[in-house]
PDB file of all heavy atoms in Angstrom:
ATOM      1  N   PHE A   1    -112.534 -13.413  13.512  1.00  0.00           N
ATOM      2  CA  PHE A   1    -111.889 -12.222  14.052  1.00  0.00           C
ATOM      3  C   PHE A   1    -110.780 -12.630  15.017  1.00  0.00           C
ATOM      4  O   PHE A   1    -110.965 -13.530  15.838  1.00  0.00           O
ATOM      5  CB  PHE A   1    -112.909 -11.344  14.778  1.00  0.00           C
ATOM      6  CG  PHE A   1    -113.838 -10.604  13.865  1.00  0.00           C
ATOM      7  CD1 PHE A   1    -114.945 -11.226  13.307  1.00  0.00           C
ATOM      8  CD2 PHE A   1    -113.604  -9.268  13.559  1.00  0.00           C
ATOM      9  CE1 PHE A   1    -115.804 -10.540  12.467  1.00  0.00           C
ATOM     10  CE2 PHE A   1    -114.463  -8.573  12.716  1.00  0.00           C
ATOM     11  CZ  PHE A   1    -115.556  -9.207  12.161  1.00  0.00           C
ATOM     12  N   PRO A   2    -109.619 -11.979  14.942  1.00  0.00           N
ATOM     13  CA  PRO A   2    -108.480 -12.387  15.775  1.00  0.00           C
ATOM     14  C   PRO A   2    -108.691 -12.061  17.252  1.00  0.00           C
ATOM     15  O   PRO A   2    -109.190 -10.988  17.604  1.00  0.00           O
ATOM     16  CB  PRO A   2    -107.316 -11.570  15.205  1.00  0.00           C
ATOM     17  CG  PRO A   2    -107.962 -10.353  14.613  1.00  0.00           C
ATOM     18  CD  PRO A   2    -109.280 -10.835  14.074  1.00  0.00           C
ATOM     19  N   ILE A   3    -108.320 -13.010  18.095  1.00  0.00           N
ATOM     20  CA  ILE A   3    -108.317 -12.827  19.546  1.00  0.00           C
ATOM     21  C   ILE A   3    -106.947 -13.283  20.026  1.00  0.00           C
ATOM     22  O   ILE A   3    -106.631 -14.478  19.988  1.00  0.00           O
ATOM     23  CB  ILE A   3    -109.432 -13.638  20.220  1.00  0.00           C
ATOM     24  CG1 ILE A   3    -110.811 -13.209  19.694  1.00  0.00           C
ATOM     25  CG2 ILE A   3    -109.368 -13.467  21.738  1.00  0.00           C
ATOM     26  CD1 ILE A   3    -111.939 -14.114  20.118  1.00  0.00           C
ATOM     27  N   VAL A   4    -106.123 -12.348  20.450  1.00  0.00           N
ATOM     28  CA  VAL A   4    -104.738 -12.635  20.806  1.00  0.00           C
ATOM     29  C   VAL A   4    -104.560 -12.380  22.295  1.00  0.00           C
ATOM     30  O   VAL A   4    -104.919 -11.315  22.802  1.00  0.00           O
ATOM     31  CB  VAL A   4    -103.777 -11.751  19.995  1.00  0.00           C
ATOM     32  CG1 VAL A   4    -102.332 -12.016  20.402  1.00  0.00           C
ATOM     33  CG2 VAL A   4    -103.961 -11.996  18.502  1.00  0.00           C
ATOM     34  N   THR A   5    -104.022 -13.346  23.014  1.00  0.00           N
ATOM     35  CA  THR A   5    -103.884 -13.222  24.463  1.00  0.00           C
ATOM     36  C   THR A   5    -102.447 -13.005  24.926  1.00  0.00           C
ATOM     37  O   THR A   5    -102.231 -12.501  26.024  1.00  0.00           O
ATOM     38  CB  THR A   5    -104.429 -14.478  25.162  1.00  0.00           C
ATOM     39  OG1 THR A   5    -103.731 -15.639  24.666  1.00  0.00           O
ATOM     40  CG2 THR A   5    -105.923 -14.640  24.882  1.00  0.00           C
ATOM     41  N   ARG A   6    -101.461 -13.369  24.112  1.00  0.00           N
ATOM     42  CA  ARG A   6    -100.069 -13.294  24.573  1.00  0.00           C
ATOM     43  C   ARG A   6     -99.260 -12.203  23.898  1.00  0.00           C
ATOM     44  O   ARG A   6     -98.060 -12.082  24.147  1.00  0.00           O
ATOM     45  CB  ARG A   6     -99.386 -14.641  24.371  1.00  0.00           C
ATOM     46  CG  ARG A   6     -99.996 -15.757  25.215  1.00  0.00           C
ATOM     47  CD  ARG A   6     -99.153 -17.011  25.186  1.00  0.00           C
ATOM     48  NE  ARG A   6     -99.704 -18.058  26.053  1.00  0.00           N
ATOM     49  CZ  ARG A   6     -99.129 -19.236  26.254  1.00  0.00           C
ATOM     50  NH1 ARG A   6     -97.991 -19.530  25.651  1.00  0.00           N
ATOM     51  NH2 ARG A   6     -99.703 -20.125  27.057  1.00  0.00           N
ATOM     52  N   SER A   7     -99.863 -11.430  23.057  1.00  0.00           N
ATOM     53  CA  SER A   7     -99.195 -10.305  22.424  1.00  0.00           C
ATOM     54  C   SER A   7    -100.246  -9.241  22.136  1.00  0.00           C
ATOM     55  O   SER A   7    -101.344  -9.293  22.674  1.00  0.00           O
ATOM     56  CB  SER A   7     -98.468 -10.754  21.145  1.00  0.00           C
ATOM     57  OG  SER A   7     -99.381 -11.344  20.233  1.00  0.00           O
ATOM     58  N   ALA A   8     -99.911  -8.290  21.286  1.00  0.00           N
ATOM     59  CA  ALA A   8    -100.831  -7.195  21.022  1.00  0.00           C
ATOM     60  C   ALA A   8    -102.117  -7.691  20.372  1.00  0.00           C
ATOM     61  O   ALA A   8    -102.091  -8.533  19.469  1.00  0.00           O
ATOM     62  CB  ALA A   8    -100.159  -6.162  20.116  1.00  0.00           C
ATOM     63  N   GLN A   9    -103.233  -7.180  20.843  1.00  0.00           N
ATOM     64  CA  GLN A   9    -104.538  -7.534  20.285  1.00  0.00           C
ATOM     65  C   GLN A   9    -104.825  -6.649  19.071  1.00  0.00           C
ATOM     66  O   GLN A   9    -104.968  -5.444  19.199  1.00  0.00           O
ATOM     67  CB  GLN A   9    -105.633  -7.328  21.329  1.00  0.00           C
ATOM     68  CG  GLN A   9    -107.052  -7.400  20.779  1.00  0.00           C
ATOM     69  CD  GLN A   9    -107.383  -8.735  20.132  1.00  0.00           C
ATOM     70  OE1 GLN A   9    -107.119  -9.779  20.707  1.00  0.00           O
ATOM     71  NE2 GLN A   9    -107.971  -8.703  18.947  1.00  0.00           N
ATOM     72  N   PRO A  10    -104.896  -7.250  17.856  1.00  0.00           N
ATOM     73  CA  PRO A  10    -105.243  -6.455  16.676  1.00  0.00           C
ATOM     74  C   PRO A  10    -106.609  -5.809  16.841  1.00  0.00           C
ATOM     75  O   PRO A  10    -107.521  -6.425  17.408  1.00  0.00           O
ATOM     76  CB  PRO A  10    -105.257  -7.502  15.551  1.00  0.00           C
ATOM     77  CG  PRO A  10    -104.440  -8.641  16.066  1.00  0.00           C
ATOM     78  CD  PRO A  10    -104.659  -8.663  17.550  1.00  0.00           C
ATOM     79  N   PRO A  11    -106.760  -4.555  16.415  1.00  0.00           N
ATOM     80  CA  PRO A  11    -105.801  -3.747  15.657  1.00  0.00           C
ATOM     81  C   PRO A  11    -104.886  -2.879  16.520  1.00  0.00           C
ATOM     82  O   PRO A  11    -104.322  -1.901  16.022  1.00  0.00           O
ATOM     83  CB  PRO A  11    -106.712  -2.878  14.793  1.00  0.00           C
ATOM     84  CG  PRO A  11    -107.909  -2.649  15.641  1.00  0.00           C
ATOM     85  CD  PRO A  11    -108.100  -3.928  16.431  1.00  0.00           C
ATOM     86  N   LEU A  12    -104.735  -3.197  17.816  1.00  0.00           N
ATOM     87  CA  LEU A  12    -103.761  -2.506  18.650  1.00  0.00           C
ATOM     88  C   LEU A  12    -102.372  -3.052  18.333  1.00  0.00           C
ATOM     89  O   LEU A  12    -102.244  -4.076  17.653  1.00  0.00           O
ATOM     90  CB  LEU A  12    -104.104  -2.689  20.130  1.00  0.00           C
ATOM     91  CG  LEU A  12    -105.514  -2.242  20.546  1.00  0.00           C
ATOM     92  CD1 LEU A  12    -105.738  -2.494  22.031  1.00  0.00           C
ATOM     93  CD2 LEU A  12    -105.754  -0.783  20.194  1.00  0.00           C
ATOM     94  N   ASP A  13    -101.336  -2.390  18.845  1.00  0.00           N
ATOM     95  CA  ASP A  13     -99.972  -2.785  18.482  1.00  0.00           C
ATOM     96  C   ASP A  13     -99.062  -2.997  19.682  1.00  0.00           C
ATOM     97  O   ASP A  13     -97.854  -3.172  19.520  1.00  0.00           O
ATOM     98  CB  ASP A  13     -99.352  -1.732  17.555  1.00  0.00           C
ATOM     99  CG  ASP A  13     -99.454  -0.316  18.108  1.00  0.00           C
ATOM    100  OD1 ASP A  13     -99.648  -0.166  19.335  1.00  0.00           O
ATOM    101  OD2 ASP A  13     -99.368   0.638  17.317  1.00  0.00           O
ATOM    102  N   GLY A  14     -99.625  -2.968  20.891  1.00  0.00           N
ATOM    103  CA  GLY A  14     -98.818  -3.212  22.070  1.00  0.00           C
ATOM    104  C   GLY A  14     -98.150  -1.968  22.632  1.00  0.00           C
ATOM    105  O   GLY A  14     -97.532  -2.028  23.697  1.00  0.00           O
ATOM    106  N   GLN A  15     -98.252  -0.844  21.942  1.00  0.00           N
ATOM    107  CA  GLN A  15     -97.660   0.395  22.429  1.00  0.00           C
ATOM    108  C   GLN A  15     -98.620   1.106  23.378  1.00  0.00           C
ATOM    109  O   GLN A  15     -99.823   0.814  23.408  1.00  0.00           O
ATOM    110  CB  GLN A  15     -97.301   1.303  21.255  1.00  0.00           C
ATOM    111  CG  GLN A  15     -96.261   0.723  20.322  1.00  0.00           C
ATOM    112  CD  GLN A  15     -95.887   1.673  19.203  1.00  0.00           C
ATOM    113  OE1 GLN A  15     -96.245   2.851  19.220  1.00  0.00           O
ATOM    114  NE2 GLN A  15     -95.187   1.167  18.203  1.00  0.00           N
ATOM    115  N   THR A  16     -98.088   2.033  24.160  1.00  0.00           N
ATOM    116  CA  THR A  16     -98.938   2.831  25.039  1.00  0.00           C
ATOM    117  C   THR A  16    -100.009   3.519  24.209  1.00  0.00           C
ATOM    118  O   THR A  16     -99.721   4.123  23.176  1.00  0.00           O
ATOM    119  CB  THR A  16     -98.091   3.895  25.768  1.00  0.00           C
ATOM    120  OG1 THR A  16     -97.047   3.241  26.495  1.00  0.00           O
ATOM    121  CG2 THR A  16     -98.950   4.690  26.745  1.00  0.00           C
ATOM    122  N   LEU A  17    -101.251   3.417  24.656  1.00  0.00           N
ATOM    123  CA  LEU A  17    -102.361   3.958  23.871  1.00  0.00           C
ATOM    124  C   LEU A  17    -102.252   5.466  23.727  1.00  0.00           C
ATOM    125  O   LEU A  17    -101.973   6.190  24.685  1.00  0.00           O
ATOM    126  CB  LEU A  17    -103.685   3.582  24.521  1.00  0.00           C
ATOM    127  CG  LEU A  17    -104.028   2.090  24.487  1.00  0.00           C
ATOM    128  CD1 LEU A  17    -105.335   1.829  25.227  1.00  0.00           C
ATOM    129  CD2 LEU A  17    -104.126   1.583  23.057  1.00  0.00           C
ATOM    130  N   LYS A  18    -102.487   5.922  22.505  1.00  0.00           N
ATOM    131  CA  LYS A  18    -102.458   7.332  22.154  1.00  0.00           C
ATOM    132  C   LYS A  18    -103.713   7.648  21.342  1.00  0.00           C
ATOM    133  O   LYS A  18    -104.411   6.729  20.903  1.00  0.00           O
ATOM    134  CB  LYS A  18    -101.200   7.657  21.333  1.00  0.00           C
ATOM    135  CG  LYS A  18     -99.882   7.363  22.038  1.00  0.00           C
ATOM    136  CD  LYS A  18     -98.690   7.751  21.187  1.00  0.00           C
ATOM    137  CE  LYS A  18     -98.512   6.803  20.004  1.00  0.00           C
ATOM    138  NZ  LYS A  18     -98.155   5.436  20.406  1.00  0.00           N
ATOM    139  N   PRO A  19    -103.977   8.916  21.076  1.00  0.00           N
ATOM    140  CA  PRO A  19    -105.144   9.242  20.247  1.00  0.00           C
ATOM    141  C   PRO A  19    -105.150   8.515  18.907  1.00  0.00           C
ATOM    142  O   PRO A  19    -106.215   8.116  18.419  1.00  0.00           O
ATOM    143  CB  PRO A  19    -105.013  10.764  20.068  1.00  0.00           C
ATOM    144  CG  PRO A  19    -104.343  11.222  21.328  1.00  0.00           C
ATOM    145  CD  PRO A  19    -103.361  10.137  21.654  1.00  0.00           C
ATOM    146  N   ALA A  20    -103.978   8.303  18.319  1.00  0.00           N
ATOM    147  CA  ALA A  20    -103.911   7.628  17.016  1.00  0.00           C
ATOM    148  C   ALA A  20    -104.496   6.227  17.069  1.00  0.00           C
ATOM    149  O   ALA A  20    -105.068   5.753  16.078  1.00  0.00           O
ATOM    150  CB  ALA A  20    -102.456   7.577  16.526  1.00  0.00           C
ATOM    151  N   HIS A  21    -104.362   5.549  18.198  1.00  0.00           N
ATOM    152  CA  HIS A  21    -104.918   4.198  18.307  1.00  0.00           C
ATOM    153  C   HIS A  21    -106.444   4.215  18.197  1.00  0.00           C
ATOM    154  O   HIS A  21    -107.033   3.355  17.546  1.00  0.00           O
ATOM    155  CB  HIS A  21    -104.511   3.549  19.636  1.00  0.00           C
ATOM    156  CG  HIS A  21    -103.069   3.159  19.699  1.00  0.00           C
ATOM    157  ND1 HIS A  21    -102.119   3.930  20.333  1.00  0.00           N
ATOM    158  CD2 HIS A  21    -102.406   2.095  19.196  1.00  0.00           C
ATOM    159  CE1 HIS A  21    -100.941   3.345  20.230  1.00  0.00           C
ATOM    160  NE2 HIS A  21    -101.087   2.222  19.547  1.00  0.00           N
ATOM    161  N   PHE A  22    -107.066   5.185  18.820  1.00  0.00           N
ATOM    162  CA  PHE A  22    -108.533   5.241  18.774  1.00  0.00           C
ATOM    163  C   PHE A  22    -109.036   5.783  17.436  1.00  0.00           C
ATOM    164  O   PHE A  22    -110.096   5.354  16.960  1.00  0.00           O
ATOM    165  CB  PHE A  22    -109.055   6.052  19.961  1.00  0.00           C
ATOM    166  CG  PHE A  22    -108.829   5.343  21.261  1.00  0.00           C
ATOM    167  CD1 PHE A  22    -107.721   5.644  22.049  1.00  0.00           C
ATOM    168  CD2 PHE A  22    -109.681   4.337  21.672  1.00  0.00           C
ATOM    169  CE1 PHE A  22    -107.487   4.961  23.233  1.00  0.00           C
ATOM    170  CE2 PHE A  22    -109.459   3.641  22.848  1.00  0.00           C
ATOM    171  CZ  PHE A  22    -108.357   3.955  23.634  1.00  0.00           C
ATOM    172  N   ASN A  23    -108.266   6.670  16.814  1.00  0.00           N
ATOM    173  CA  ASN A  23    -108.609   7.071  15.450  1.00  0.00           C
ATOM    174  C   ASN A  23    -108.553   5.852  14.520  1.00  0.00           C
ATOM    175  O   ASN A  23    -109.374   5.716  13.605  1.00  0.00           O
ATOM    176  CB  ASN A  23    -107.645   8.160  14.959  1.00  0.00           C
ATOM    177  CG  ASN A  23    -107.860   9.487  15.673  1.00  0.00           C
ATOM    178  OD1 ASN A  23    -108.975   9.807  16.088  1.00  0.00           O
ATOM    179  ND2 ASN A  23    -106.797  10.260  15.824  1.00  0.00           N
ATOM    180  N   ARG A  24    -107.596   4.965  14.784  1.00  0.00           N
ATOM    181  CA  ARG A  24    -107.485   3.731  14.001  1.00  0.00           C
ATOM    182  C   ARG A  24    -108.710   2.838  14.222  1.00  0.00           C
ATOM    183  O   ARG A  24    -109.259   2.288  13.256  1.00  0.00           O
ATOM    184  CB  ARG A  24    -106.222   2.972  14.406  1.00  0.00           C
ATOM    185  CG  ARG A  24    -105.986   1.667  13.637  1.00  0.00           C
ATOM    186  CD  ARG A  24    -104.857   0.867  14.257  1.00  0.00           C
ATOM    187  NE  ARG A  24    -103.637   1.646  14.360  1.00  0.00           N
ATOM    188  CZ  ARG A  24    -102.589   1.287  15.102  1.00  0.00           C
ATOM    189  NH1 ARG A  24    -102.624   0.160  15.801  1.00  0.00           N
ATOM    190  NH2 ARG A  24    -101.510   2.044  15.142  1.00  0.00           N
ATOM    191  N   LEU A  25    -109.143   2.700  15.475  1.00  0.00           N
ATOM    192  CA  LEU A  25    -110.325   1.886  15.753  1.00  0.00           C
ATOM    193  C   LEU A  25    -111.546   2.434  15.027  1.00  0.00           C
ATOM    194  O   LEU A  25    -112.319   1.674  14.442  1.00  0.00           O
ATOM    195  CB  LEU A  25    -110.594   1.838  17.258  1.00  0.00           C
ATOM    196  CG  LEU A  25    -109.577   1.124  18.156  1.00  0.00           C
ATOM    197  CD1 LEU A  25    -110.055   1.129  19.597  1.00  0.00           C
ATOM    198  CD2 LEU A  25    -109.313  -0.289  17.683  1.00  0.00           C
ATOM    199  N   TRP A  26    -111.715   3.735  15.067  1.00  0.00           N
ATOM    200  CA  TRP A  26    -112.861   4.339  14.389  1.00  0.00           C
ATOM    201  C   TRP A  26    -112.820   4.044  12.890  1.00  0.00           C
ATOM    202  O   TRP A  26    -113.848   3.728  12.292  1.00  0.00           O
ATOM    203  CB  TRP A  26    -112.877   5.846  14.633  1.00  0.00           C
ATOM    204  CG  TRP A  26    -113.973   6.291  15.551  1.00  0.00           C
ATOM    205  CD1 TRP A  26    -115.117   6.938  15.187  1.00  0.00           C
ATOM    206  CD2 TRP A  26    -114.038   6.129  16.980  1.00  0.00           C
ATOM    207  NE1 TRP A  26    -115.898   7.192  16.299  1.00  0.00           N
ATOM    208  CE2 TRP A  26    -115.257   6.699  17.419  1.00  0.00           C
ATOM    209  CE3 TRP A  26    -113.205   5.555  17.930  1.00  0.00           C
ATOM    210  CZ2 TRP A  26    -115.651   6.724  18.756  1.00  0.00           C
ATOM    211  CZ3 TRP A  26    -113.589   5.573  19.261  1.00  0.00           C
ATOM    212  CH2 TRP A  26    -114.794   6.145  19.659  1.00  0.00           C
ATOM    213  N   GLY A  27    -111.629   4.135  12.293  1.00  0.00           N
ATOM    214  CA  GLY A  27    -111.515   3.907  10.854  1.00  0.00           C
ATOM    215  C   GLY A  27    -111.699   2.453  10.461  1.00  0.00           C
ATOM    216  O   GLY A  27    -112.409   2.149   9.496  1.00  0.00           O
ATOM    217  N   ILE A  28    -111.092   1.534  11.195  1.00  0.00           N
ATOM    218  CA  ILE A  28    -111.147   0.117  10.835  1.00  0.00           C
ATOM    219  C   ILE A  28    -112.540  -0.463  11.041  1.00  0.00           C
ATOM    220  O   ILE A  28    -113.072  -1.160  10.169  1.00  0.00           O
ATOM    221  CB  ILE A  28    -110.107  -0.681  11.638  1.00  0.00           C
ATOM    222  CG1 ILE A  28    -108.688  -0.331  11.151  1.00  0.00           C
ATOM    223  CG2 ILE A  28    -110.348  -2.188  11.510  1.00  0.00           C
ATOM    224  CD1 ILE A  28    -107.585  -0.978  11.948  1.00  0.00           C
ATOM    225  N   TYR A  29    -113.137  -0.180  12.194  1.00  0.00           N
ATOM    226  CA  TYR A  29    -114.454  -0.762  12.471  1.00  0.00           C
ATOM    227  C   TYR A  29    -115.590   0.002  11.794  1.00  0.00           C
ATOM    228  O   TYR A  29    -116.705  -0.509  11.697  1.00  0.00           O
ATOM    229  CB  TYR A  29    -114.705  -0.818  13.979  1.00  0.00           C
ATOM    230  CG  TYR A  29    -113.867  -1.855  14.681  1.00  0.00           C
ATOM    231  CD1 TYR A  29    -112.662  -1.507  15.286  1.00  0.00           C
ATOM    232  CD2 TYR A  29    -114.255  -3.189  14.727  1.00  0.00           C
ATOM    233  CE1 TYR A  29    -111.872  -2.459  15.928  1.00  0.00           C
ATOM    234  CE2 TYR A  29    -113.476  -4.145  15.365  1.00  0.00           C
ATOM    235  CZ  TYR A  29    -112.285  -3.777  15.965  1.00  0.00           C
ATOM    236  OH  TYR A  29    -111.498  -4.723  16.580  1.00  0.00           O
ATOM    237  N   GLY A  30    -115.291   1.206  11.312  1.00  0.00           N
ATOM    238  CA  GLY A  30    -116.344   2.015  10.706  1.00  0.00           C
ATOM    239  C   GLY A  30    -117.299   2.571  11.749  1.00  0.00           C
ATOM    240  O   GLY A  30    -118.511   2.650  11.512  1.00  0.00           O
ATOM    241  N   LEU A  31    -116.753   2.975  12.900  1.00  0.00           N
ATOM    242  CA  LEU A  31    -117.576   3.558  13.947  1.00  0.00           C
ATOM    243  C   LEU A  31    -118.088   4.926  13.498  1.00  0.00           C
ATOM    244  O   LEU A  31    -117.378   5.658  12.804  1.00  0.00           O
ATOM    245  CB  LEU A  31    -116.774   3.704  15.244  1.00  0.00           C
ATOM    246  CG  LEU A  31    -116.238   2.403  15.864  1.00  0.00           C
ATOM    247  CD1 LEU A  31    -115.322   2.720  17.028  1.00  0.00           C
ATOM    248  CD2 LEU A  31    -117.381   1.511  16.321  1.00  0.00           C
ATOM    249  N   PRO A  32    -119.299   5.293  13.892  1.00  0.00           N
ATOM    250  CA  PRO A  32    -119.853   6.577  13.453  1.00  0.00           C
ATOM    251  C   PRO A  32    -119.186   7.761  14.147  1.00  0.00           C
ATOM    252  O   PRO A  32    -118.672   7.643  15.258  1.00  0.00           O
ATOM    253  CB  PRO A  32    -121.330   6.472  13.859  1.00  0.00           C
ATOM    254  CG  PRO A  32    -121.333   5.516  15.014  1.00  0.00           C
ATOM    255  CD  PRO A  32    -120.253   4.517  14.702  1.00  0.00           C
TER     256      PRO A  32
END
């Protein structure tokens, strides 16, 4: 699993967090 310290941490993209980012986390990780 990727661990990035000097740029955006996947699956984030470095942009200001918005609801879409957390919807993405739920979809990618398969959170209930």
